Amino acid sequence: MKVYYKGTYTYKIWKIFAEQAVDFITTLGEIFGYIIAFFKGLKNFNTRPREIIEQCSRFGISSLPITLSIVGMTSIIVSMQVAGEMVKQGGGNFVGMLMAILTVREEGAIMAGFAIISMIGSSLASEIATLKVTEQIDAIQVLKVNPIEYLFTPRVIAGTIMMPLVVIIASVVGIAGGAVAANLTSELSYKAYFDSVWFGLSMHDINVCLLKAISFGFAITVISCSCGMGAKDGAKGVGIATTKAVVWSFVSIVMIDLLFAAAFFY
């Protein structure tokens, strides 16, 4: 009877869910463990500033073209859909306000986060995973170098610092892209668009956006590096670690965004 039950689809589905649940709890525990180790390492702070600057360049400058492209095109698409209808209904003076609120509160940070995960997060995970499976991290430990301070700290600090700057630039480009699309599709003047930007946008929105960006940068780098450190089983493990880092990062920033929306805008 037991052998028959193990051959059923019910058992196989239950086994898959059980394995996923165990993997979820294990990964979550590892991430929190690395977060604690990261903050403990900040007491000594043996990381060289040059390494942080190199990671800042990688995190911010290298990812900026794709980030601006995604945010700018998204804003253009939304503005093309909204501006024409609002002008028809007599709400042309509120198009800029709508696009500014949408971009600053949600679109700028979320789309920039997605771009960073796709380009930088996956790169961080695969890089550290390769070091792990080739036993280079073990060699670092043999040399009495703390891998958390050597690998984690510069990347996490760079991500936390650079993400707000990337989001600010992306938001400006998004609002400007919305202005161009609104002018082309509904002939709304640039003056009317930008005059309405500050109607509904406040410093509260900007402050929340920056705080959210800091949280996104920290979460993306910590998760990517943690998943990379947990890699095993050679090249296959590198692929699994990279995929896990991307998926967990996407889920984390959506959950963080939900918490911010509930805390500051509900």
C-alpha atoms as a PDB file:
ATOM      1  CA  MET A   1       0.000   0.000   0.000  1.00  0.00           C
ATOM      2  CA  LYS A   2       2.836   2.353   0.890  1.00  0.00           C
ATOM      3  CA  VAL A   3       4.602   1.633  -2.388  1.00  0.00           C
ATOM      4  CA  TYR A   4       1.384   2.253  -4.314  1.00  0.00           C
ATOM      5  CA  TYR A   5       0.783   5.563  -2.508  1.00  0.00           C
ATOM      6  CA  LYS A   6       4.288   6.816  -3.341  1.00  0.00           C
ATOM      7  CA  GLY A   7       3.563   6.202  -7.000  1.00  0.00           C
ATOM      8  CA  THR A   8       0.480   8.428  -7.062  1.00  0.00           C
ATOM      9  CA  TYR A   9       0.402  11.998  -8.363  1.00  0.00           C
ATOM     10  CA  THR A  10      -0.928  13.189  -5.003  1.00  0.00           C
ATOM     11  CA  TYR A  11       2.210  11.990  -3.247  1.00  0.00           C
ATOM     12  CA  LYS A  12       4.482  13.430  -5.950  1.00  0.00           C
ATOM     13  CA  ILE A  13       2.793  16.848  -5.767  1.00  0.00           C
ATOM     14  CA  TRP A  14       2.926  16.811  -1.968  1.00  0.00           C
ATOM     15  CA  LYS A  15       6.618  15.875  -2.105  1.00  0.00           C
ATOM     16  CA  ILE A  16       7.359  18.776  -4.450  1.00  0.00           C
ATOM     17  CA  PHE A  17       5.599  21.253  -2.155  1.00  0.00           C
ATOM     18  CA  ALA A  18       7.383  19.803   0.895  1.00  0.00           C
ATOM     19  CA  GLU A  19      10.781  20.119  -0.794  1.00  0.00           C
ATOM     20  CA  GLN A  20      10.017  23.687  -1.859  1.00  0.00           C
ATOM     21  CA  ALA A  21       8.906  24.567   1.685  1.00  0.00           C
ATOM     22  CA  VAL A  22      12.111  23.152   3.169  1.00  0.00           C
ATOM     23  CA  ASP A  23      14.212  24.976   0.570  1.00  0.00           C
ATOM     24  CA  PHE A  24      12.315  28.215   1.280  1.00  0.00           C
ATOM     25  CA  ILE A  25      12.914  28.008   5.030  1.00  0.00           C
ATOM     26  CA  THR A  26      16.561  27.007   4.547  1.00  0.00           C
ATOM     27  CA  THR A  27      17.265  29.832   2.108  1.00  0.00           C
ATOM     28  CA  LEU A  28      15.497  32.365   4.316  1.00  0.00           C
ATOM     29  CA  GLY A  29      17.560  31.260   7.302  1.00  0.00           C
ATOM     30  CA  GLU A  30      20.787  31.517   5.310  1.00  0.00           C
ATOM     31  CA  ILE A  31      19.911  35.022   4.128  1.00  0.00           C
ATOM     32  CA  PHE A  32      19.202  36.236   7.660  1.00  0.00           C
ATOM     33  CA  GLY A  33      22.411  34.583   8.827  1.00  0.00           C
ATOM     34  CA  TYR A  34      24.431  36.480   6.242  1.00  0.00           C
ATOM     35  CA  ILE A  35      22.646  39.711   7.147  1.00  0.00           C
ATOM     36  CA  ILE A  36      23.666  39.277  10.790  1.00  0.00           C
ATOM     37  CA  ALA A  37      27.237  38.455   9.747  1.00  0.00           C
ATOM     38  CA  PHE A  38      27.298  41.553   7.518  1.00  0.00           C
ATOM     39  CA  PHE A  39      26.295  43.893  10.345  1.00  0.00           C
ATOM     40  CA  LYS A  40      28.764  42.233  12.699  1.00  0.00           C
ATOM     41  CA  GLY A  41      31.503  42.801  10.136  1.00  0.00           C
ATOM     42  CA  LEU A  42      30.706  46.516   9.993  1.00  0.00           C
ATOM     43  CA  LYS A  43      32.166  46.903  13.508  1.00  0.00           C
ATOM     44  CA  ASN A  44      35.666  46.265  12.178  1.00  0.00           C
ATOM     45  CA  PHE A  45      35.077  47.514   8.631  1.00  0.00           C
ATOM     46  CA  ASN A  46      38.214  46.128   7.017  1.00  0.00           C
ATOM     47  CA  THR A  47      36.847  46.695   3.516  1.00  0.00           C
ATOM     48  CA  ARG A  48      38.962  48.952   1.327  1.00  0.00           C
ATOM     49  CA  PRO A  49      37.175  52.054  -0.014  1.00  0.00           C
ATOM     50  CA  ARG A  50      38.531  51.274  -3.501  1.00  0.00           C
ATOM     51  CA  GLU A  51      36.518  48.061  -3.657  1.00  0.00           C
ATOM     52  CA  ILE A  52      33.351  49.898  -2.649  1.00  0.00           C
ATOM     53  CA  ILE A  53      33.959  52.495  -5.370  1.00  0.00           C
ATOM     54  CA  GLU A  54      34.467  49.746  -7.967  1.00  0.00           C
ATOM     55  CA  GLN A  55      31.203  48.086  -6.959  1.00  0.00           C
ATOM     56  CA  CYS A  56      29.414  51.462  -6.985  1.00  0.00           C
ATOM     57  CA  SER A  57      30.572  51.978 -10.570  1.00  0.00           C
ATOM     58  CA  ARG A  58      29.345  48.518 -11.493  1.00  0.00           C
ATOM     59  CA  PHE A  59      26.024  48.891  -9.692  1.00  0.00           C
ATOM     60  CA  GLY A  60      25.198  52.405 -10.805  1.00  0.00           C
ATOM     61  CA  ILE A  61      26.976  53.394 -13.992  1.00  0.00           C
ATOM     62  CA  SER A  62      26.968  50.029 -15.776  1.00  0.00           C
ATOM     63  CA  SER A  63      23.285  49.423 -15.121  1.00  0.00           C
ATOM     64  CA  LEU A  64      22.121  52.958 -15.880  1.00  0.00           C
ATOM     65  CA  PRO A  65      21.472  52.615 -19.663  1.00  0.00           C
ATOM     66  CA  ILE A  66      19.180  49.600 -19.365  1.00  0.00           C
ATOM     67  CA  THR A  67      17.470  51.036 -16.267  1.00  0.00           C
ATOM     68  CA  LEU A  68      16.723  54.363 -17.944  1.00  0.00           C
ATOM     69  CA  SER A  69      15.507  52.583 -21.069  1.00  0.00           C
ATOM     70  CA  ILE A  70      13.047  50.427 -19.128  1.00  0.00           C
ATOM     71  CA  VAL A  71      11.701  53.238 -16.930  1.00  0.00           C
ATOM     72  CA  GLY A  72      11.558  55.734 -19.798  1.00  0.00           C
ATOM     73  CA  MET A  73       9.732  53.378 -22.163  1.00  0.00           C
ATOM     74  CA  THR A  74       7.282  52.329 -19.446  1.00  0.00           C
ATOM     75  CA  SER A  75       6.442  55.967 -18.715  1.00  0.00           C
ATOM     76  CA  ILE A  76       5.999  56.703 -22.425  1.00  0.00           C
ATOM     77  CA  ILE A  77       3.621  53.759 -22.820  1.00  0.00           C
ATOM     78  CA  VAL A  78       1.536  54.759 -19.795  1.00  0.00           C
ATOM     79  CA  SER A  79       1.445  58.424 -20.838  1.00  0.00           C
ATOM     80  CA  MET A  80       0.364  57.484 -24.360  1.00  0.00           C
ATOM     81  CA  GLN A  81      -2.560  55.522 -22.932  1.00  0.00           C
ATOM     82  CA  VAL A  82      -3.612  58.102 -20.334  1.00  0.00           C
ATOM     83  CA  ALA A  83      -2.888  61.571 -21.735  1.00  0.00           C
ATOM     84  CA  GLY A  84      -5.260  61.417 -24.692  1.00  0.00           C
ATOM     85  CA  GLU A  85      -8.222  60.271 -22.623  1.00  0.00           C
ATOM     86  CA  MET A  86      -7.599  62.817 -19.860  1.00  0.00           C
ATOM     87  CA  VAL A  87      -7.364  65.682 -22.364  1.00  0.00           C
ATOM     88  CA  LYS A  88     -10.665  64.567 -23.933  1.00  0.00           C
ATOM     89  CA  GLN A  89     -12.312  64.624 -20.502  1.00  0.00           C
ATOM     90  CA  GLY A  90     -10.894  68.050 -19.652  1.00  0.00           C
ATOM     91  CA  GLY A  91      -8.234  66.742 -17.299  1.00  0.00           C
ATOM     92  CA  GLY A  92      -5.180  67.730 -19.289  1.00  0.00           C
ATOM     93  CA  ASN A  93      -3.884  69.877 -16.445  1.00  0.00           C
ATOM     94  CA  PHE A  94      -3.561  66.765 -14.271  1.00  0.00           C
ATOM     95  CA  VAL A  95      -1.586  64.535 -16.636  1.00  0.00           C
ATOM     96  CA  GLY A  96       1.787  65.674 -15.296  1.00  0.00           C
ATOM     97  CA  MET A  97       0.625  65.206 -11.708  1.00  0.00           C
ATOM     98  CA  LEU A  98      -0.586  61.683 -12.434  1.00  0.00           C
ATOM     99  CA  MET A  99       2.624  60.659 -14.177  1.00  0.00           C
ATOM    100  CA  ALA A 100       4.783  62.209 -11.462  1.00  0.00           C
ATOM    101  CA  ILE A 101       2.943  60.413  -8.654  1.00  0.00           C
ATOM    102  CA  LEU A 102       2.975  57.124 -10.556  1.00  0.00           C
ATOM    103  CA  THR A 103       6.673  57.391 -11.386  1.00  0.00           C
ATOM    104  CA  VAL A 104       7.936  58.561  -8.005  1.00  0.00           C
ATOM    105  CA  ARG A 105       5.764  56.360  -5.827  1.00  0.00           C
ATOM    106  CA  GLU A 106       5.906  53.117  -7.787  1.00  0.00           C
ATOM    107  CA  GLU A 107       7.183  52.877 -11.335  1.00  0.00           C
ATOM    108  CA  GLY A 108      10.618  54.447 -10.936  1.00  0.00           C
ATOM    109  CA  ALA A 109      11.679  52.284  -7.993  1.00  0.00           C
ATOM    110  CA  ILE A 110      10.001  49.050  -9.109  1.00  0.00           C
ATOM    111  CA  MET A 111      11.155  49.100 -12.736  1.00  0.00           C
ATOM    112  CA  ALA A 112      14.652  50.191 -11.718  1.00  0.00           C
ATOM    113  CA  GLY A 113      14.686  47.333  -9.206  1.00  0.00           C
ATOM    114  CA  PHE A 114      13.701  44.846 -11.895  1.00  0.00           C
ATOM    115  CA  ALA A 115      16.436  46.142 -14.186  1.00  0.00           C
ATOM    116  CA  ILE A 116      19.057  45.980 -11.422  1.00  0.00           C
ATOM    117  CA  ILE A 117      18.049  42.424 -10.521  1.00  0.00           C
ATOM    118  CA  SER A 118      18.221  41.265 -14.127  1.00  0.00           C
ATOM    119  CA  MET A 119      21.603  42.812 -14.828  1.00  0.00           C
ATOM    120  CA  ILE A 120      23.477  43.221 -11.538  1.00  0.00           C
ATOM    121  CA  GLY A 121      21.785  40.818  -9.120  1.00  0.00           C
ATOM    122  CA  SER A 122      22.215  37.837 -11.421  1.00  0.00           C
ATOM    123  CA  SER A 123      25.813  38.879 -12.077  1.00  0.00           C
ATOM    124  CA  LEU A 124      26.607  39.068  -8.353  1.00  0.00           C
ATOM    125  CA  ALA A 125      25.043  35.676  -7.672  1.00  0.00           C
ATOM    126  CA  SER A 126      26.830  33.896 -10.532  1.00  0.00           C
ATOM    127  CA  GLU A 127      30.151  35.525  -9.673  1.00  0.00           C
ATOM    128  CA  ILE A 128      30.094  34.486  -6.013  1.00  0.00           C
ATOM    129  CA  ALA A 129      28.613  31.079  -6.866  1.00  0.00           C
ATOM    130  CA  THR A 130      31.532  30.440  -9.232  1.00  0.00           C
ATOM    131  CA  LEU A 131      33.976  31.375  -6.474  1.00  0.00           C
ATOM    132  CA  LYS A 132      32.139  28.998  -4.157  1.00  0.00           C
ATOM    133  CA  VAL A 133      32.014  25.909  -6.382  1.00  0.00           C
ATOM    134  CA  THR A 134      35.640  26.357  -7.491  1.00  0.00           C
ATOM    135  CA  GLU A 135      36.672  26.497  -3.804  1.00  0.00           C
ATOM    136  CA  GLN A 136      38.185  29.960  -4.137  1.00  0.00           C
ATOM    137  CA  ILE A 137      36.198  31.118  -1.109  1.00  0.00           C
ATOM    138  CA  ASP A 138      37.765  28.263   0.874  1.00  0.00           C
ATOM    139  CA  ALA A 139      41.161  29.519  -0.264  1.00  0.00           C
ATOM    140  CA  ILE A 140      40.257  33.003   0.942  1.00  0.00           C
ATOM    141  CA  GLN A 141      39.386  31.598   4.356  1.00  0.00           C
ATOM    142  CA  VAL A 142      42.682  29.675   4.478  1.00  0.00           C
ATOM    143  CA  LEU A 143      44.439  33.018   4.024  1.00  0.00           C
ATOM    144  CA  LYS A 144      42.516  34.209   7.118  1.00  0.00           C
ATOM    145  CA  VAL A 145      40.402  36.659   5.117  1.00  0.00           C
ATOM    146  CA  ASN A 146      36.765  36.971   6.110  1.00  0.00           C
ATOM    147  CA  PRO A 147      34.708  36.276   2.947  1.00  0.00           C
ATOM    148  CA  ILE A 148      31.817  38.338   4.327  1.00  0.00           C
ATOM    149  CA  GLU A 149      34.010  41.414   4.636  1.00  0.00           C
ATOM    150  CA  TYR A 150      35.785  40.709   1.355  1.00  0.00           C
ATOM    151  CA  LEU A 151      32.800  39.769  -0.819  1.00  0.00           C
ATOM    152  CA  PHE A 152      29.599  40.875   0.912  1.00  0.00           C
ATOM    153  CA  THR A 153      30.401  44.218   2.467  1.00  0.00           C
ATOM    154  CA  PRO A 154      31.556  46.211  -0.607  1.00  0.00           C
ATOM    155  CA  ARG A 155      28.696  44.888  -2.748  1.00  0.00           C
ATOM    156  CA  VAL A 156      25.956  45.483  -0.182  1.00  0.00           C
ATOM    157  CA  ILE A 157      27.213  48.958   0.677  1.00  0.00           C
ATOM    158  CA  ALA A 158      27.491  49.855  -3.019  1.00  0.00           C
ATOM    159  CA  GLY A 159      23.979  48.615  -3.738  1.00  0.00           C
ATOM    160  CA  THR A 160      22.510  50.467  -0.784  1.00  0.00           C
ATOM    161  CA  ILE A 161      24.238  53.710  -1.748  1.00  0.00           C
ATOM    162  CA  MET A 162      23.731  53.622  -5.503  1.00  0.00           C
ATOM    163  CA  MET A 163      20.145  52.400  -5.738  1.00  0.00           C
ATOM    164  CA  PRO A 164      18.620  55.741  -4.573  1.00  0.00           C
ATOM    165  CA  LEU A 165      20.739  57.625  -7.116  1.00  0.00           C
ATOM    166  CA  VAL A 166      19.676  55.273  -9.898  1.00  0.00           C
ATOM    167  CA  VAL A 167      16.012  55.635  -8.889  1.00  0.00           C
ATOM    168  CA  ILE A 168      16.244  59.445  -8.819  1.00  0.00           C
ATOM    169  CA  ILE A 169      17.721  59.603 -12.318  1.00  0.00           C
ATOM    170  CA  ALA A 170      15.258  56.995 -13.588  1.00  0.00           C
ATOM    171  CA  SER A 171      12.294  58.896 -12.123  1.00  0.00           C
ATOM    172  CA  VAL A 172      13.392  62.142 -13.779  1.00  0.00           C
ATOM    173  CA  VAL A 173      13.754  60.355 -17.112  1.00  0.00           C
ATOM    174  CA  GLY A 174      10.362  58.690 -16.602  1.00  0.00           C
ATOM    175  CA  ILE A 175       8.590  61.985 -15.943  1.00  0.00           C
ATOM    176  CA  ALA A 176      10.332  63.609 -18.913  1.00  0.00           C
ATOM    177  CA  GLY A 177       9.416  60.661 -21.141  1.00  0.00           C
ATOM    178  CA  GLY A 178       5.803  61.023 -20.075  1.00  0.00           C
ATOM    179  CA  ALA A 179       5.900  64.683 -21.086  1.00  0.00           C
ATOM    180  CA  VAL A 180       7.158  63.849 -24.574  1.00  0.00           C
ATOM    181  CA  ALA A 181       4.525  61.145 -25.066  1.00  0.00           C
ATOM    182  CA  ALA A 182       1.732  63.399 -23.787  1.00  0.00           C
ATOM    183  CA  ASN A 183       2.778  66.179 -26.143  1.00  0.00           C
ATOM    184  CA  LEU A 184       2.947  63.898 -29.173  1.00  0.00           C
ATOM    185  CA  THR A 185      -0.294  61.989 -28.554  1.00  0.00           C
ATOM    186  CA  SER A 186      -2.571  64.709 -27.178  1.00  0.00           C
ATOM    187  CA  GLU A 187      -0.703  67.941 -28.056  1.00  0.00           C
ATOM    188  CA  LEU A 188      -0.540  68.809 -24.363  1.00  0.00           C
ATOM    189  CA  SER A 189       1.981  71.596 -23.902  1.00  0.00           C
ATOM    190  CA  TYR A 190       5.139  70.967 -21.926  1.00  0.00           C
ATOM    191  CA  LYS A 191       4.357  73.958 -19.713  1.00  0.00           C
ATOM    192  CA  ALA A 192       0.954  72.571 -18.735  1.00  0.00           C
ATOM    193  CA  TYR A 193       2.495  69.164 -18.085  1.00  0.00           C
ATOM    194  CA  PHE A 194       5.358  70.317 -15.869  1.00  0.00           C
ATOM    195  CA  ASP A 195       3.218  72.918 -14.071  1.00  0.00           C
ATOM    196  CA  SER A 196       0.965  70.107 -12.900  1.00  0.00           C
ATOM    197  CA  VAL A 197       3.812  67.863 -11.758  1.00  0.00           C
ATOM    198  CA  TRP A 198       3.924  69.471  -8.319  1.00  0.00           C
ATOM    199  CA  PHE A 199       0.149  69.563  -7.827  1.00  0.00           C
ATOM    200  CA  GLY A 200       0.058  66.171  -6.189  1.00  0.00           C
ATOM    201  CA  LEU A 201       3.740  65.387  -5.689  1.00  0.00           C
ATOM    202  CA  SER A 202       5.145  66.193  -2.255  1.00  0.00           C
ATOM    203  CA  MET A 203       8.381  65.764  -0.323  1.00  0.00           C
ATOM    204  CA  HIS A 204       6.695  62.893   1.506  1.00  0.00           C
ATOM    205  CA  ASP A 205       6.496  60.974  -1.790  1.00  0.00           C
ATOM    206  CA  ILE A 206      10.144  61.690  -2.587  1.00  0.00           C
ATOM    207  CA  ASN A 207      11.351  60.684   0.888  1.00  0.00           C
ATOM    208  CA  VAL A 208       9.392  57.429   0.775  1.00  0.00           C
ATOM    209  CA  CYS A 209      10.772  56.739  -2.709  1.00  0.00           C
ATOM    210  CA  LEU A 210      14.357  57.186  -1.499  1.00  0.00           C
ATOM    211  CA  LEU A 211      13.791  55.015   1.568  1.00  0.00           C
ATOM    212  CA  LYS A 212      12.227  52.342  -0.630  1.00  0.00           C
ATOM    213  CA  ALA A 213      15.181  52.513  -3.021  1.00  0.00           C
ATOM    214  CA  ILE A 214      17.618  52.011  -0.137  1.00  0.00           C
ATOM    215  CA  SER A 215      15.640  48.953   0.973  1.00  0.00           C
ATOM    216  CA  PHE A 216      15.582  47.594  -2.569  1.00  0.00           C
ATOM    217  CA  GLY A 217      19.330  48.019  -3.007  1.00  0.00           C
ATOM    218  CA  PHE A 218      20.070  46.316   0.299  1.00  0.00           C
ATOM    219  CA  ALA A 219      17.674  43.433  -0.369  1.00  0.00           C
ATOM    220  CA  ILE A 220      18.891  42.778  -3.918  1.00  0.00           C
ATOM    221  CA  THR A 221      22.580  42.675  -3.002  1.00  0.00           C
ATOM    222  CA  VAL A 222      22.135  40.646   0.178  1.00  0.00           C
ATOM    223  CA  ILE A 223      19.919  38.057  -1.496  1.00  0.00           C
ATOM    224  CA  SER A 224      22.114  37.774  -4.581  1.00  0.00           C
ATOM    225  CA  CYS A 225      25.301  37.355  -2.556  1.00  0.00           C
ATOM    226  CA  SER A 226      23.645  34.932  -0.113  1.00  0.00           C
ATOM    227  CA  CYS A 227      22.333  32.699  -2.892  1.00  0.00           C
ATOM    228  CA  GLY A 228      25.771  32.757  -4.496  1.00  0.00           C
ATOM    229  CA  MET A 229      27.410  31.676  -1.248  1.00  0.00           C
ATOM    230  CA  GLY A 230      25.008  28.743  -1.007  1.00  0.00           C
ATOM    231  CA  ALA A 231      25.953  27.331  -4.413  1.00  0.00           C
ATOM    232  CA  LYS A 232      27.176  23.745  -4.722  1.00  0.00           C
ATOM    233  CA  ASP A 233      27.505  20.895  -7.244  1.00  0.00           C
ATOM    234  CA  GLY A 234      29.588  22.637  -9.869  1.00  0.00           C
ATOM    235  CA  ALA A 235      28.255  24.458 -12.932  1.00  0.00           C
ATOM    236  CA  LYS A 236      24.714  23.242 -12.307  1.00  0.00           C
ATOM    237  CA  GLY A 237      24.825  24.784  -8.838  1.00  0.00           C
ATOM    238  CA  VAL A 238      25.882  28.132 -10.310  1.00  0.00           C
ATOM    239  CA  GLY A 239      22.811  28.138 -12.534  1.00  0.00           C
ATOM    240  CA  ILE A 240      20.511  27.153  -9.663  1.00  0.00           C
ATOM    241  CA  ALA A 241      21.998  29.814  -7.371  1.00  0.00           C
ATOM    242  CA  THR A 242      21.622  32.521 -10.035  1.00  0.00           C
ATOM    243  CA  THR A 243      18.007  31.561 -10.741  1.00  0.00           C
ATOM    244  CA  LYS A 244      17.211  31.478  -7.035  1.00  0.00           C
ATOM    245  CA  ALA A 245      18.790  34.904  -6.523  1.00  0.00           C
ATOM    246  CA  VAL A 246      16.731  36.462  -9.313  1.00  0.00           C
ATOM    247  CA  VAL A 247      13.459  34.893  -8.166  1.00  0.00           C
ATOM    248  CA  TRP A 248      13.977  35.757  -4.509  1.00  0.00           C
ATOM    249  CA  SER A 249      14.993  39.311  -5.374  1.00  0.00           C
ATOM    250  CA  PHE A 250      11.877  39.847  -7.485  1.00  0.00           C
ATOM    251  CA  VAL A 251       9.652  38.497  -4.717  1.00  0.00           C
ATOM    252  CA  SER A 252      11.417  40.503  -2.022  1.00  0.00           C
ATOM    253  CA  ILE A 253      11.101  43.902  -3.699  1.00  0.00           C
ATOM    254  CA  VAL A 254       7.424  43.301  -4.445  1.00  0.00           C
ATOM    255  CA  MET A 255       6.845  42.414  -0.783  1.00  0.00           C
ATOM    256  CA  ILE A 256       8.857  45.427   0.373  1.00  0.00           C
ATOM    257  CA  ASP A 257       6.855  47.643  -1.977  1.00  0.00           C
ATOM    258  CA  LEU A 258       3.625  46.254  -0.519  1.00  0.00           C
ATOM    259  CA  LEU A 259       4.814  47.024   3.014  1.00  0.00           C
ATOM    260  CA  PHE A 260       5.746  50.583   2.040  1.00  0.00           C
ATOM    261  CA  ALA A 261       2.390  51.123   0.338  1.00  0.00           C
ATOM    262  CA  ALA A 262       0.535  49.861   3.406  1.00  0.00           C
ATOM    263  CA  ALA A 263       2.671  51.860   5.822  1.00  0.00           C
ATOM    264  CA  PHE A 264       2.849  55.233   4.034  1.00  0.00           C
ATOM    265  CA  PHE A 265      -0.062  55.454   1.597  1.00  0.00           C
ATOM    266  CA  TYR A 266      -2.866  53.404   3.099  1.00  0.00           C
END
